[in-house]
Amino acid sequence: MAALQNDVKAFIVQALACFDTASQVVEAVQKEYGGLAPSKPDTNSPLN
């Protein structure tokens, strides 16, 4: 999984602190920073 840049992390934290829902935050991040590609599933996860 790719690491997020610090400015994107700060944007997410600020949005969540304003009680935005997760889906609202995703939409806002995509609008603000462009279409971030969804991450690939972690094949090493015990949940797979």
N, C-alpha and C. Protein backbone atom coordinates (compact mmCIF):
# COMPACT_ATOMS: atom_id res chain seq x y z
N MET A 1 0.85 -1.17 0.00
CA MET A 1 0.00 0.00 0.00
C MET A 1 0.90 1.24 0.00
N ALA A 2 0.58 2.18 -0.83
CA ALA A 2 1.36 3.41 -0.92
C ALA A 2 1.06 4.32 0.26
N ALA A 3 2.08 5.01 0.71
CA ALA A 3 1.92 5.94 1.82
C ALA A 3 1.31 7.24 1.31
N LEU A 4 0.48 7.84 2.13
CA LEU A 4 -0.12 9.13 1.78
C LEU A 4 0.83 10.26 2.13
N GLN A 5 0.79 11.31 1.34
CA GLN A 5 1.60 12.48 1.63
C GLN A 5 1.03 13.17 2.87
N ASN A 6 1.87 13.91 3.58
CA ASN A 6 1.45 14.55 4.83
C ASN A 6 0.30 15.52 4.64
N ASP A 7 0.26 16.24 3.51
CA ASP A 7 -0.83 17.19 3.32
C ASP A 7 -2.16 16.47 3.12
N VAL A 8 -2.13 15.29 2.50
CA VAL A 8 -3.35 14.50 2.33
C VAL A 8 -3.80 13.95 3.68
N LYS A 9 -2.85 13.48 4.47
CA LYS A 9 -3.17 12.98 5.82
C LYS A 9 -3.82 14.08 6.66
N ALA A 10 -3.25 15.27 6.62
CA ALA A 10 -3.80 16.39 7.38
C ALA A 10 -5.21 16.74 6.92
N PHE A 11 -5.43 16.70 5.62
CA PHE A 11 -6.75 16.98 5.06
C PHE A 11 -7.77 15.96 5.59
N ILE A 12 -7.39 14.69 5.61
CA ILE A 12 -8.27 13.63 6.09
C ILE A 12 -8.58 13.80 7.57
N VAL A 13 -7.56 14.06 8.37
CA VAL A 13 -7.77 14.25 9.80
C VAL A 13 -8.69 15.44 10.07
N GLN A 14 -8.47 16.53 9.35
CA GLN A 14 -9.30 17.72 9.53
C GLN A 14 -10.75 17.41 9.16
N ALA A 15 -10.96 16.70 8.07
CA ALA A 15 -12.33 16.37 7.64
C ALA A 15 -13.01 15.47 8.66
N LEU A 16 -12.28 14.49 9.17
CA LEU A 16 -12.87 13.59 10.17
C LEU A 16 -13.14 14.33 11.48
N ALA A 17 -12.30 15.30 11.83
CA ALA A 17 -12.51 16.09 13.04
C ALA A 17 -13.77 16.95 12.92
N CYS A 18 -14.17 17.23 11.69
CA CYS A 18 -15.40 17.99 11.45
C CYS A 18 -16.61 17.06 11.35
N PHE A 19 -16.41 15.79 11.69
CA PHE A 19 -17.47 14.78 11.71
C PHE A 19 -18.02 14.46 10.32
N ASP A 20 -17.20 14.64 9.29
CA ASP A 20 -17.59 14.18 7.96
C ASP A 20 -17.57 12.65 7.98
N THR A 21 -18.45 12.03 7.20
CA THR A 21 -18.43 10.57 7.11
C THR A 21 -17.24 10.13 6.27
N ALA A 22 -16.91 8.86 6.38
CA ALA A 22 -15.78 8.33 5.62
C ALA A 22 -16.00 8.52 4.12
N SER A 23 -17.22 8.27 3.65
CA SER A 23 -17.47 8.42 2.22
C SER A 23 -17.38 9.88 1.79
N GLN A 24 -17.78 10.80 2.66
CA GLN A 24 -17.63 12.23 2.35
C GLN A 24 -16.15 12.60 2.27
N VAL A 25 -15.34 12.04 3.16
CA VAL A 25 -13.91 12.33 3.16
C VAL A 25 -13.26 11.79 1.89
N VAL A 26 -13.63 10.58 1.50
CA VAL A 26 -13.07 10.00 0.27
C VAL A 26 -13.41 10.89 -0.92
N GLU A 27 -14.66 11.30 -1.01
CA GLU A 27 -15.07 12.16 -2.13
C GLU A 27 -14.31 13.48 -2.12
N ALA A 28 -14.16 14.07 -0.93
CA ALA A 28 -13.46 15.36 -0.82
C ALA A 28 -11.99 15.22 -1.18
N VAL A 29 -11.36 14.14 -0.76
CA VAL A 29 -9.94 13.91 -1.07
C VAL A 29 -9.77 13.73 -2.57
N GLN A 30 -10.66 12.97 -3.19
CA GLN A 30 -10.56 12.77 -4.63
C GLN A 30 -10.77 14.08 -5.38
N LYS A 31 -11.68 14.91 -4.90
CA LYS A 31 -11.93 16.19 -5.55
C LYS A 31 -10.74 17.13 -5.37
N GLU A 32 -10.18 17.17 -4.16
CA GLU A 32 -9.10 18.10 -3.83
C GLU A 32 -7.76 17.68 -4.44
N TYR A 33 -7.47 16.38 -4.44
CA TYR A 33 -6.15 15.90 -4.84
C TYR A 33 -6.18 15.06 -6.12
N GLY A 34 -7.31 15.00 -6.77
CA GLY A 34 -7.40 14.20 -7.99
C GLY A 34 -7.76 12.77 -7.66
N GLY A 35 -8.04 12.01 -8.68
CA GLY A 35 -8.47 10.62 -8.49
C GLY A 35 -7.36 9.76 -7.95
N LEU A 36 -7.40 9.50 -6.68
CA LEU A 36 -6.44 8.58 -6.08
C LEU A 36 -6.91 7.17 -6.37
N ALA A 37 -6.04 6.36 -6.89
CA ALA A 37 -6.40 4.99 -7.23
C ALA A 37 -6.67 4.20 -5.96
N PRO A 38 -7.69 3.38 -5.97
CA PRO A 38 -7.94 2.54 -4.79
C PRO A 38 -6.80 1.56 -4.61
N SER A 39 -6.47 1.25 -3.39
CA SER A 39 -5.37 0.34 -3.13
C SER A 39 -5.76 -1.08 -3.48
N LYS A 40 -4.78 -1.86 -3.81
CA LYS A 40 -5.01 -3.27 -4.11
C LYS A 40 -5.17 -4.02 -2.79
N PRO A 41 -5.94 -5.09 -2.77
CA PRO A 41 -6.08 -5.86 -1.55
C PRO A 41 -4.74 -6.41 -1.09
N ASP A 42 -4.55 -6.45 0.20
CA ASP A 42 -3.31 -6.98 0.77
C ASP A 42 -3.38 -8.49 0.75
N THR A 43 -2.56 -9.10 -0.09
CA THR A 43 -2.62 -10.56 -0.23
C THR A 43 -2.02 -11.27 0.99
N ASN A 44 -1.31 -10.54 1.83
CA ASN A 44 -0.73 -11.14 3.03
C ASN A 44 -1.64 -11.04 4.24
N SER A 45 -2.79 -10.42 4.07
CA SER A 45 -3.71 -10.23 5.17
C SER A 45 -4.35 -11.56 5.57
N PRO A 46 -4.47 -11.82 6.86
CA PRO A 46 -5.14 -13.04 7.29
C PRO A 46 -6.64 -13.03 6.99
N LEU A 47 -7.18 -11.88 6.62
CA LEU A 47 -8.60 -11.79 6.32
C LEU A 47 -8.93 -12.25 4.91
N ASN A 48 -7.91 -12.46 4.09
CA ASN A 48 -8.15 -12.90 2.69
C ASN A 48 -8.24 -14.38 2.61
